[in-house]
Amino acid sequence: MKLIKSFPRAAVLGAVMMATGCLSTAALAQDGPSESHLAAAKKVTIATRMLEPFDDILPLLAEQTRTAFIQAQPTRAEDVIDVTQKIALQLAPKRALLNERVYTLWAESFTEEELDQLAEFYSTDLGQKLTRSIPVVTSKSVASAREWQDALSTEMVTLVQQELERIDSAQ
């Protein structure tokens, strides 16, 4: 009986503690990582070449935009090319926003000390080899997984078909 009476107080206390925790987490999230923490994150992203795959985004968007406008207005192709190039150059500085977001994501995922250790590692010959090798190994791993999946799928279909035929012949 005493447990039942104390439950509402415990629930209220728990709710207050959770709300306080959420508020303090929200306050921390608003402040964000320190400049040194972001600098450490930046070192890691540079050492790992993490941002390089994003280099093609703006040129690709410009090409897609140019193609779409030229298809819609073929007689204005020259204007479209010039304007698209001009706008792409105007938008290029916005790349810094993406970089900052990536630095923040790294800073939210690792402590400053961990980022310093990662940057140190990725600056070594082995770290650079790992950075160069990951895309190749990942690509080959995905291809291997697809091959394995296809082989397994074929085997499964064959075995299920054989089993169903066995059941049919037994009846």
N, C-alpha and C. Protein backbone atom coordinates (compact mmCIF):
# COMPACT_ATOMS: atom_id res chain seq x y z
N MET A 1 0.83 -1.19 0.00
CA MET A 1 0.00 0.00 0.00
C MET A 1 0.87 1.25 0.00
N LYS A 2 1.96 1.23 0.78
CA LYS A 2 2.84 2.37 0.85
C LYS A 2 3.49 2.63 -0.52
N LEU A 3 3.82 1.54 -1.24
CA LEU A 3 4.41 1.64 -2.55
C LEU A 3 3.46 2.36 -3.51
N ILE A 4 2.19 2.01 -3.47
CA ILE A 4 1.19 2.62 -4.35
C ILE A 4 1.07 4.11 -4.05
N LYS A 5 1.09 4.49 -2.76
CA LYS A 5 0.97 5.90 -2.40
C LYS A 5 2.20 6.69 -2.84
N SER A 6 3.36 6.07 -2.78
CA SER A 6 4.59 6.79 -3.15
C SER A 6 4.80 6.83 -4.66
N PHE A 7 4.10 5.99 -5.41
CA PHE A 7 4.27 5.94 -6.85
C PHE A 7 4.00 7.28 -7.53
N PRO A 8 2.87 7.96 -7.22
CA PRO A 8 2.64 9.25 -7.90
C PRO A 8 3.76 10.25 -7.64
N ARG A 9 4.26 10.31 -6.40
CA ARG A 9 5.36 11.23 -6.11
C ARG A 9 6.60 10.85 -6.90
N ALA A 10 6.88 9.55 -6.99
CA ALA A 10 8.05 9.09 -7.74
C ALA A 10 7.89 9.40 -9.22
N ALA A 11 6.67 9.25 -9.73
CA ALA A 11 6.43 9.55 -11.14
C ALA A 11 6.63 11.03 -11.41
N VAL A 12 6.13 11.88 -10.52
CA VAL A 12 6.30 13.32 -10.68
C VAL A 12 7.78 13.68 -10.60
N LEU A 13 8.47 13.10 -9.60
CA LEU A 13 9.90 13.37 -9.45
C LEU A 13 10.66 12.91 -10.70
N GLY A 14 10.31 11.74 -11.20
CA GLY A 14 10.95 11.23 -12.42
C GLY A 14 10.71 12.15 -13.61
N ALA A 15 9.46 12.61 -13.73
CA ALA A 15 9.12 13.51 -14.84
C ALA A 15 9.91 14.82 -14.74
N VAL A 16 10.02 15.34 -13.51
CA VAL A 16 10.78 16.57 -13.31
C VAL A 16 12.25 16.35 -13.66
N MET A 17 12.79 15.21 -13.23
CA MET A 17 14.20 14.91 -13.53
C MET A 17 14.41 14.77 -15.03
N MET A 18 13.48 14.10 -15.69
CA MET A 18 13.60 13.93 -17.14
C MET A 18 13.52 15.27 -17.85
N ALA A 19 12.57 16.10 -17.43
CA ALA A 19 12.40 17.42 -18.05
C ALA A 19 13.65 18.26 -17.85
N THR A 20 14.20 18.21 -16.65
CA THR A 20 15.42 18.96 -16.36
C THR A 20 16.56 18.46 -17.23
N GLY A 21 16.66 17.13 -17.36
CA GLY A 21 17.69 16.55 -18.22
C GLY A 21 17.50 16.97 -19.66
N CYS A 22 16.28 16.94 -20.13
CA CYS A 22 16.00 17.34 -21.51
C CYS A 22 16.32 18.81 -21.72
N LEU A 23 15.95 19.64 -20.74
CA LEU A 23 16.22 21.07 -20.88
C LEU A 23 17.71 21.34 -20.89
N SER A 24 18.44 20.67 -20.01
CA SER A 24 19.87 20.92 -19.99
C SER A 24 20.52 20.38 -21.26
N THR A 25 20.01 19.26 -21.80
CA THR A 25 20.53 18.74 -23.06
C THR A 25 20.22 19.71 -24.18
N ALA A 26 19.01 20.26 -24.18
CA ALA A 26 18.64 21.23 -25.20
C ALA A 26 19.51 22.48 -25.11
N ALA A 27 19.79 22.89 -23.90
CA ALA A 27 20.64 24.07 -23.72
C ALA A 27 22.05 23.79 -24.24
N LEU A 28 22.55 22.58 -23.97
CA LEU A 28 23.87 22.23 -24.47
C LEU A 28 23.86 22.16 -25.99
N ALA A 29 22.78 21.61 -26.55
CA ALA A 29 22.70 21.49 -28.01
C ALA A 29 22.68 22.86 -28.66
N GLN A 30 22.05 23.84 -28.01
CA GLN A 30 22.00 25.17 -28.57
C GLN A 30 23.39 25.81 -28.56
N ASP A 31 24.15 25.55 -27.50
CA ASP A 31 25.49 26.12 -27.42
C ASP A 31 26.40 25.51 -28.48
N GLY A 32 26.28 24.21 -28.69
CA GLY A 32 27.08 23.52 -29.67
C GLY A 32 28.50 23.31 -29.20
N PRO A 33 29.28 22.64 -30.03
CA PRO A 33 30.67 22.36 -29.67
C PRO A 33 31.52 23.63 -29.67
N SER A 34 32.57 23.58 -28.87
CA SER A 34 33.48 24.73 -28.79
C SER A 34 34.25 24.88 -30.09
N GLU A 35 34.89 26.02 -30.24
CA GLU A 35 35.70 26.26 -31.45
C GLU A 35 36.84 25.25 -31.56
N SER A 36 37.46 24.92 -30.44
CA SER A 36 38.56 23.96 -30.49
C SER A 36 38.06 22.56 -30.82
N HIS A 37 36.85 22.25 -30.35
CA HIS A 37 36.24 20.95 -30.65
C HIS A 37 35.95 20.87 -32.16
N LEU A 38 35.40 21.94 -32.71
CA LEU A 38 35.13 21.99 -34.15
C LEU A 38 36.43 21.96 -34.95
N ALA A 39 37.47 22.61 -34.45
CA ALA A 39 38.76 22.60 -35.14
C ALA A 39 39.32 21.18 -35.18
N ALA A 40 39.15 20.44 -34.08
CA ALA A 40 39.60 19.04 -34.05
C ALA A 40 38.80 18.21 -35.05
N ALA A 41 37.50 18.47 -35.13
CA ALA A 41 36.65 17.76 -36.08
C ALA A 41 37.08 18.08 -37.51
N LYS A 42 37.42 19.34 -37.75
CA LYS A 42 37.86 19.76 -39.08
C LYS A 42 39.16 19.03 -39.46
N LYS A 43 40.07 18.89 -38.50
CA LYS A 43 41.33 18.19 -38.76
C LYS A 43 41.06 16.75 -39.21
N VAL A 44 40.10 16.11 -38.54
CA VAL A 44 39.78 14.72 -38.89
C VAL A 44 39.16 14.65 -40.28
N THR A 45 38.23 15.53 -40.57
CA THR A 45 37.58 15.49 -41.88
C THR A 45 38.56 15.78 -43.01
N ILE A 46 39.53 16.63 -42.75
CA ILE A 46 40.56 16.91 -43.76
C ILE A 46 41.48 15.70 -43.91
N ALA A 47 41.92 15.14 -42.79
CA ALA A 47 42.82 13.99 -42.83
C ALA A 47 42.17 12.77 -43.48
N THR A 48 40.87 12.61 -43.28
CA THR A 48 40.16 11.45 -43.84
C THR A 48 39.58 11.72 -45.22
N ARG A 49 39.73 12.96 -45.68
CA ARG A 49 39.17 13.36 -46.97
C ARG A 49 37.66 13.13 -47.02
N MET A 50 37.04 13.27 -45.87
CA MET A 50 35.61 13.02 -45.70
C MET A 50 34.75 13.93 -46.58
N LEU A 51 35.22 15.12 -46.84
CA LEU A 51 34.41 16.09 -47.58
C LEU A 51 34.56 15.96 -49.09
N GLU A 52 35.59 15.27 -49.56
CA GLU A 52 35.85 15.18 -51.00
C GLU A 52 34.66 14.66 -51.81
N PRO A 53 33.93 13.65 -51.34
CA PRO A 53 32.79 13.17 -52.14
C PRO A 53 31.73 14.25 -52.39
N PHE A 54 31.72 15.28 -51.56
CA PHE A 54 30.72 16.33 -51.70
C PHE A 54 31.14 17.40 -52.72
N ASP A 55 32.37 17.30 -53.21
CA ASP A 55 32.87 18.30 -54.15
C ASP A 55 32.08 18.31 -55.46
N ASP A 56 31.49 17.20 -55.80
CA ASP A 56 30.77 17.10 -57.08
C ASP A 56 29.33 17.57 -57.00
N ILE A 57 28.82 17.87 -55.82
CA ILE A 57 27.40 18.22 -55.68
C ILE A 57 27.03 19.44 -56.51
N LEU A 58 27.72 20.54 -56.32
CA LEU A 58 27.36 21.78 -57.03
C LEU A 58 27.56 21.64 -58.55
N PRO A 59 28.69 21.11 -59.02
CA PRO A 59 28.82 20.94 -60.47
C PRO A 59 27.73 20.02 -61.06
N LEU A 60 27.38 18.98 -60.32
CA LEU A 60 26.33 18.07 -60.79
C LEU A 60 24.98 18.79 -60.85
N LEU A 61 24.68 19.55 -59.80
CA LEU A 61 23.42 20.32 -59.80
C LEU A 61 23.40 21.34 -60.94
N ALA A 62 24.53 21.98 -61.18
CA ALA A 62 24.61 22.95 -62.27
C ALA A 62 24.37 22.26 -63.61
N GLU A 63 24.98 21.11 -63.80
CA GLU A 63 24.80 20.36 -65.04
C GLU A 63 23.35 19.92 -65.22
N GLN A 64 22.73 19.41 -64.16
CA GLN A 64 21.33 19.00 -64.23
C GLN A 64 20.42 20.19 -64.53
N THR A 65 20.69 21.31 -63.88
CA THR A 65 19.89 22.52 -64.11
C THR A 65 20.06 23.00 -65.55
N ARG A 66 21.31 23.05 -65.99
CA ARG A 66 21.61 23.48 -67.36
C ARG A 66 20.88 22.59 -68.36
N THR A 67 20.96 21.28 -68.17
CA THR A 67 20.31 20.33 -69.08
C THR A 67 18.81 20.52 -69.10
N ALA A 68 18.21 20.66 -67.92
CA ALA A 68 16.76 20.84 -67.83
C ALA A 68 16.31 22.11 -68.55
N PHE A 69 17.02 23.20 -68.33
CA PHE A 69 16.63 24.46 -68.97
C PHE A 69 16.86 24.43 -70.48
N ILE A 70 17.94 23.79 -70.90
CA ILE A 70 18.21 23.70 -72.34
C ILE A 70 17.16 22.83 -73.03
N GLN A 71 16.75 21.75 -72.36
CA GLN A 71 15.70 20.91 -72.94
C GLN A 71 14.38 21.67 -73.04
N ALA A 72 14.10 22.50 -72.06
CA ALA A 72 12.85 23.27 -72.06
C ALA A 72 12.92 24.45 -73.02
N GLN A 73 14.11 25.03 -73.18
CA GLN A 73 14.26 26.22 -74.03
C GLN A 73 15.52 26.09 -74.88
N PRO A 74 15.52 25.21 -75.86
CA PRO A 74 16.74 24.94 -76.65
C PRO A 74 17.29 26.18 -77.37
N THR A 75 16.44 27.11 -77.71
CA THR A 75 16.92 28.30 -78.41
C THR A 75 17.71 29.24 -77.51
N ARG A 76 17.62 29.03 -76.21
CA ARG A 76 18.32 29.89 -75.25
C ARG A 76 19.53 29.19 -74.62
N ALA A 77 20.02 28.17 -75.27
CA ALA A 77 21.10 27.34 -74.71
C ALA A 77 22.29 28.17 -74.25
N GLU A 78 22.71 29.12 -75.07
CA GLU A 78 23.88 29.93 -74.70
C GLU A 78 23.62 30.74 -73.43
N ASP A 79 22.43 31.37 -73.35
CA ASP A 79 22.06 32.13 -72.14
C ASP A 79 21.99 31.21 -70.93
N VAL A 80 21.39 30.06 -71.12
CA VAL A 80 21.24 29.10 -70.01
C VAL A 80 22.61 28.69 -69.48
N ILE A 81 23.53 28.40 -70.38
CA ILE A 81 24.88 27.99 -69.96
C ILE A 81 25.55 29.11 -69.17
N ASP A 82 25.49 30.32 -69.69
CA ASP A 82 26.12 31.47 -69.02
C ASP A 82 25.49 31.74 -67.65
N VAL A 83 24.16 31.77 -67.61
CA VAL A 83 23.46 32.07 -66.36
C VAL A 83 23.68 30.97 -65.33
N THR A 84 23.62 29.73 -65.77
CA THR A 84 23.84 28.61 -64.84
C THR A 84 25.24 28.67 -64.24
N GLN A 85 26.22 28.96 -65.06
CA GLN A 85 27.60 29.08 -64.57
C GLN A 85 27.70 30.22 -63.55
N LYS A 86 27.09 31.34 -63.87
CA LYS A 86 27.12 32.52 -62.98
C LYS A 86 26.47 32.18 -61.63
N ILE A 87 25.31 31.54 -61.68
CA ILE A 87 24.59 31.19 -60.44
C ILE A 87 25.38 30.15 -59.64
N ALA A 88 25.97 29.18 -60.32
CA ALA A 88 26.78 28.17 -59.62
C ALA A 88 27.92 28.83 -58.87
N LEU A 89 28.57 29.79 -59.49
CA LEU A 89 29.66 30.51 -58.82
C LEU A 89 29.16 31.32 -57.64
N GLN A 90 27.95 31.88 -57.76
CA GLN A 90 27.36 32.62 -56.64
C GLN A 90 27.06 31.70 -55.46
N LEU A 91 26.66 30.47 -55.78
CA LEU A 91 26.28 29.52 -54.73
C LEU A 91 27.48 28.80 -54.12
N ALA A 92 28.61 28.82 -54.78
CA ALA A 92 29.79 28.08 -54.31
C ALA A 92 30.16 28.38 -52.85
N PRO A 93 30.11 29.63 -52.39
CA PRO A 93 30.46 29.88 -50.99
C PRO A 93 29.55 29.16 -49.97
N LYS A 94 28.38 28.75 -50.41
CA LYS A 94 27.47 28.04 -49.49
C LYS A 94 28.01 26.66 -49.11
N ARG A 95 29.04 26.21 -49.81
CA ARG A 95 29.67 24.93 -49.48
C ARG A 95 30.18 24.94 -48.04
N ALA A 96 30.59 26.10 -47.57
CA ALA A 96 31.10 26.21 -46.20
C ALA A 96 30.04 25.78 -45.19
N LEU A 97 28.76 25.98 -45.50
CA LEU A 97 27.69 25.56 -44.59
C LEU A 97 27.68 24.04 -44.44
N LEU A 98 27.85 23.33 -45.55
CA LEU A 98 27.90 21.87 -45.49
C LEU A 98 29.10 21.43 -44.67
N ASN A 99 30.25 22.04 -44.93
CA ASN A 99 31.45 21.67 -44.18
C ASN A 99 31.23 21.86 -42.68
N GLU A 100 30.66 22.99 -42.29
CA GLU A 100 30.40 23.26 -40.87
C GLU A 100 29.46 22.22 -40.27
N ARG A 101 28.46 21.82 -41.03
CA ARG A 101 27.53 20.79 -40.53
C ARG A 101 28.26 19.48 -40.30
N VAL A 102 29.13 19.12 -41.23
CA VAL A 102 29.89 17.88 -41.09
C VAL A 102 30.82 17.96 -39.88
N TYR A 103 31.50 19.10 -39.71
CA TYR A 103 32.38 19.26 -38.54
C TYR A 103 31.56 19.11 -37.26
N THR A 104 30.38 19.70 -37.23
CA THR A 104 29.53 19.62 -36.05
C THR A 104 29.10 18.17 -35.79
N LEU A 105 28.76 17.45 -36.84
CA LEU A 105 28.38 16.04 -36.67
C LEU A 105 29.52 15.23 -36.06
N TRP A 106 30.73 15.47 -36.54
CA TRP A 106 31.89 14.78 -35.98
C TRP A 106 32.08 15.18 -34.52
N ALA A 107 31.95 16.47 -34.24
CA ALA A 107 32.14 16.96 -32.88
C ALA A 107 31.08 16.40 -31.94
N GLU A 108 29.89 16.18 -32.44
CA GLU A 108 28.82 15.60 -31.61
C GLU A 108 29.03 14.11 -31.39
N SER A 109 29.80 13.48 -32.27
CA SER A 109 30.00 12.03 -32.19
C SER A 109 31.25 11.63 -31.41
N PHE A 110 32.21 12.55 -31.31
CA PHE A 110 33.47 12.24 -30.64
C PHE A 110 33.87 13.39 -29.74
N THR A 111 34.58 13.06 -28.68
CA THR A 111 35.12 14.11 -27.82
C THR A 111 36.25 14.80 -28.56
N GLU A 112 36.64 15.94 -28.05
CA GLU A 112 37.75 16.67 -28.66
C GLU A 112 39.03 15.85 -28.60
N GLU A 113 39.24 15.19 -27.48
CA GLU A 113 40.43 14.34 -27.33
C GLU A 113 40.42 13.21 -28.34
N GLU A 114 39.26 12.57 -28.52
CA GLU A 114 39.16 11.48 -29.49
C GLU A 114 39.43 11.99 -30.91
N LEU A 115 38.90 13.16 -31.23
CA LEU A 115 39.13 13.74 -32.55
C LEU A 115 40.61 14.04 -32.77
N ASP A 116 41.28 14.54 -31.73
CA ASP A 116 42.72 14.81 -31.84
C ASP A 116 43.47 13.50 -32.12
N GLN A 117 43.06 12.43 -31.43
CA GLN A 117 43.70 11.12 -31.64
C GLN A 117 43.44 10.60 -33.05
N LEU A 118 42.20 10.77 -33.51
CA LEU A 118 41.86 10.34 -34.87
C LEU A 118 42.65 11.13 -35.91
N ALA A 119 42.72 12.44 -35.73
CA ALA A 119 43.47 13.27 -36.67
C ALA A 119 44.93 12.87 -36.70
N GLU A 120 45.46 12.57 -35.55
CA GLU A 120 46.86 12.14 -35.47
C GLU A 120 47.04 10.82 -36.24
N PHE A 121 46.14 9.87 -36.02
CA PHE A 121 46.23 8.58 -36.70
C PHE A 121 46.08 8.76 -38.21
N TYR A 122 45.05 9.49 -38.64
CA TYR A 122 44.80 9.63 -40.07
C TYR A 122 45.85 10.47 -40.78
N SER A 123 46.71 11.13 -40.03
CA SER A 123 47.82 11.87 -40.62
C SER A 123 49.05 10.98 -40.84
N THR A 124 49.01 9.78 -40.29
CA THR A 124 50.13 8.85 -40.48
C THR A 124 50.01 8.19 -41.86
N ASP A 125 51.08 7.51 -42.26
CA ASP A 125 51.05 6.79 -43.54
C ASP A 125 49.95 5.73 -43.54
N LEU A 126 49.83 5.00 -42.42
CA LEU A 126 48.79 3.97 -42.33
C LEU A 126 47.40 4.60 -42.39
N GLY A 127 47.22 5.70 -41.71
CA GLY A 127 45.93 6.38 -41.73
C GLY A 127 45.57 6.86 -43.13
N GLN A 128 46.57 7.38 -43.85
CA GLN A 128 46.32 7.81 -45.23
C GLN A 128 46.03 6.63 -46.14
N LYS A 129 46.72 5.51 -45.90
CA LYS A 129 46.44 4.30 -46.69
C LYS A 129 45.01 3.83 -46.42
N LEU A 130 44.61 3.87 -45.16
CA LEU A 130 43.24 3.48 -44.81
C LEU A 130 42.23 4.40 -45.51
N THR A 131 42.49 5.68 -45.50
CA THR A 131 41.61 6.64 -46.14
C THR A 131 41.47 6.36 -47.64
N ARG A 132 42.59 6.05 -48.28
CA ARG A 132 42.55 5.74 -49.72
C ARG A 132 41.88 4.39 -49.98
N SER A 133 42.05 3.44 -49.07
CA SER A 133 41.57 2.08 -49.29
C SER A 133 40.09 1.88 -48.97
N ILE A 134 39.55 2.65 -48.05
CA ILE A 134 38.16 2.43 -47.63
C ILE A 134 37.18 2.47 -48.80
N PRO A 135 37.22 3.46 -49.68
CA PRO A 135 36.25 3.45 -50.78
C PRO A 135 36.37 2.21 -51.68
N VAL A 136 37.59 1.78 -51.95
CA VAL A 136 37.82 0.61 -52.80
C VAL A 136 37.32 -0.65 -52.10
N VAL A 137 37.71 -0.82 -50.84
CA VAL A 137 37.30 -2.00 -50.08
C VAL A 137 35.78 -2.02 -49.90
N THR A 138 35.20 -0.86 -49.63
CA THR A 138 33.75 -0.78 -49.46
C THR A 138 33.04 -1.16 -50.76
N SER A 139 33.49 -0.61 -51.87
CA SER A 139 32.90 -0.91 -53.17
C SER A 139 32.99 -2.40 -53.49
N LYS A 140 34.15 -2.97 -53.27
CA LYS A 140 34.34 -4.40 -53.53
C LYS A 140 33.51 -5.24 -52.56
N SER A 141 33.38 -4.78 -51.32
CA SER A 141 32.56 -5.50 -50.34
C SER A 141 31.10 -5.51 -50.74
N VAL A 142 30.61 -4.37 -51.21
CA VAL A 142 29.22 -4.27 -51.66
C VAL A 142 29.00 -5.19 -52.86
N ALA A 143 29.96 -5.19 -53.80
CA ALA A 143 29.85 -6.07 -54.97
C ALA A 143 29.86 -7.53 -54.54
N SER A 144 30.72 -7.88 -53.60
CA SER A 144 30.77 -9.25 -53.09
C SER A 144 29.46 -9.63 -52.41
N ALA A 145 28.91 -8.72 -51.64
CA ALA A 145 27.64 -8.99 -50.96
C ALA A 145 26.52 -9.20 -51.98
N ARG A 146 26.53 -8.42 -53.05
CA ARG A 146 25.51 -8.59 -54.10
C ARG A 146 25.65 -9.94 -54.78
N GLU A 147 26.89 -10.32 -55.10
CA GLU A 147 27.14 -11.63 -55.72
C GLU A 147 26.67 -12.75 -54.80
N TRP A 148 27.03 -12.64 -53.53
CA TRP A 148 26.63 -13.65 -52.54
C TRP A 148 25.11 -13.72 -52.44
N GLN A 149 24.47 -12.56 -52.39
CA GLN A 149 23.01 -12.50 -52.31
C GLN A 149 22.37 -13.15 -53.54
N ASP A 150 22.90 -12.85 -54.71
CA ASP A 150 22.36 -13.44 -55.94
C ASP A 150 22.51 -14.96 -55.93
N ALA A 151 23.69 -15.45 -55.53
CA ALA A 151 23.92 -16.89 -55.47
C ALA A 151 23.00 -17.55 -54.45
N LEU A 152 22.86 -16.91 -53.30
CA LEU A 152 22.00 -17.45 -52.24
C LEU A 152 20.54 -17.45 -52.70
N SER A 153 20.13 -16.40 -53.39
CA SER A 153 18.77 -16.31 -53.89
C SER A 153 18.48 -17.43 -54.88
N THR A 154 19.42 -17.66 -55.80
CA THR A 154 19.26 -18.74 -56.78
C THR A 154 19.18 -20.09 -56.08
N GLU A 155 20.06 -20.30 -55.11
CA GLU A 155 20.06 -21.56 -54.35
C GLU A 155 18.76 -21.73 -53.60
N MET A 156 18.26 -20.66 -52.96
CA MET A 156 17.03 -20.75 -52.19
C MET A 156 15.85 -21.10 -53.10
N VAL A 157 15.75 -20.42 -54.24
CA VAL A 157 14.65 -20.70 -55.18
C VAL A 157 14.71 -22.14 -55.65
N THR A 158 15.91 -22.60 -55.99
CA THR A 158 16.08 -23.98 -56.45
C THR A 158 15.67 -24.97 -55.37
N LEU A 159 16.15 -24.76 -54.15
CA LEU A 159 15.83 -25.69 -53.05
C LEU A 159 14.35 -25.67 -52.70
N VAL A 160 13.72 -24.50 -52.70
CA VAL A 160 12.29 -24.43 -52.41
C VAL A 160 11.52 -25.13 -53.52
N GLN A 161 11.92 -24.90 -54.76
CA GLN A 161 11.25 -25.55 -55.89
C GLN A 161 11.38 -27.07 -55.79
N GLN A 162 12.58 -27.56 -55.48
CA GLN A 162 12.80 -29.00 -55.34
C GLN A 162 11.96 -29.58 -54.20
N GLU A 163 11.91 -28.87 -53.08
CA GLU A 163 11.15 -29.35 -51.93
C GLU A 163 9.65 -29.40 -52.25
N LEU A 164 9.16 -28.37 -52.94
CA LEU A 164 7.74 -28.36 -53.30
C LEU A 164 7.44 -29.50 -54.29
N GLU A 165 8.35 -29.78 -55.21
CA GLU A 165 8.16 -30.88 -56.13
C GLU A 165 8.17 -32.21 -55.38
N ARG A 166 9.05 -32.35 -54.38
CA ARG A 166 9.10 -33.57 -53.55
C ARG A 166 7.77 -33.77 -52.82
N ILE A 167 7.23 -32.67 -52.25
CA ILE A 167 5.93 -32.75 -51.55
C ILE A 167 4.84 -33.17 -52.53
N ASP A 168 4.84 -32.57 -53.72
CA ASP A 168 3.83 -32.89 -54.72
C ASP A 168 3.91 -34.36 -55.15
N SER A 169 5.11 -34.87 -55.33
CA SER A 169 5.27 -36.27 -55.77
C SER A 169 4.92 -37.24 -54.66
N ALA A 170 5.03 -36.82 -53.41
CA ALA A 170 4.70 -37.69 -52.28
C ALA A 170 3.19 -37.80 -52.09
N GLN A 171 2.46 -36.89 -52.63
CA GLN A 171 1.00 -36.89 -52.43
C GLN A 171 0.33 -37.71 -53.44
